[in-house]
């Protein structure tokens, strides 16, 4: 969701062959992580994975997407239709523990409805549990209006900073993750579980390690049929990176660099011997574009999930750190592919995506 830092991978990212440490007991737990052979068998059962990070254009954040009053299946259906139309077969979608806490049964019902809509469009989503990006104090109820010209002005961390100061919070989060994974852990409509988006972001660094360790332990406790992972994104976070890579069934990562630098990261990550999926890329002013990066990912057989889909309340047509207070449309969109009516921002990009997703 933010910029990947350095392009030097450390030796700390070596895999240890299917052994993990339980974050609560600190004892070694074997056979909870998929072997490279199992991960590659799973990957071989899928066409090349291509898609986008998805939130409906009518939602400013995950809470507005999932709360009962603002859940918008009509828009979701229409916009996933745009995705199907260009050959996308997956979308990455953020859940939120606050929406679950307010209405567990209803939340799960809405997740199920989302999955039904996605399946109608031949799309297998991957779901994200926790997130260290942007605003740190999520609240239920009516969400803020977008700040004019500001990228992701209303996006909410999960669980956020105040919540983690409460010693009782870990047990609530444990219940949430266990309930969702138990409910949907055998659901063939789901591609993958992305346990933690950009742990350590927003200045947290290793303060996020306990929750990262716990969410992997909770996932391994349930052991869903789908793979679990947490994407690498900042190569200076050695302890976090090591834990993420060691405990992931498949390797996921973020990269917003130009194609040659991005390719070097792919080549290094492939040394793990497991499938590699890019769960964030594409920032046009940084020359991370569909024209430059997507063909490389296809050639490398790396899953390709860009940030941004339909321009909307998240304001991700604007750059991370370059607000436009007048609200004018930037000459070059930062993210996003479509306008709300389904018109492509750039027709040549959409034609390229269609071409690459239709090829075997």
Foldseek 3Di string as FASTA:
>chain_A
DDAAADLDADPLLAADAAWDAQLPVRDIDGPLAAGQVVQVVLLVVDDQAEAAADDFQADLEQQLCQAPVRPDVVSLLVQLLLVLVLQHAEYEYEHALQSCVVPVVSSVVSVVVSLVSSVVSNHAYEYEYFEDDDAFDDDHDDFDFFQFQAFSNGYYGVPGDVLVVDPCNVVSSLVVLLVNCLVCLAPPSHAEYAYYEPPCPPPCQCVRVSVVSNSLSSCSVSSGPHWYAHAAGYSVSSVVSSNRSHRGNAYEYEHAAAAVSVVSSVVVSCVNSHAYEYQEYAFVVRNGHLVGHVVVCLVSSYHYYYYAAENHRSSQQHDNPDGDNVNDRDPGGGDYFAYSVSHGPDPVSSVSSSVSSVDD
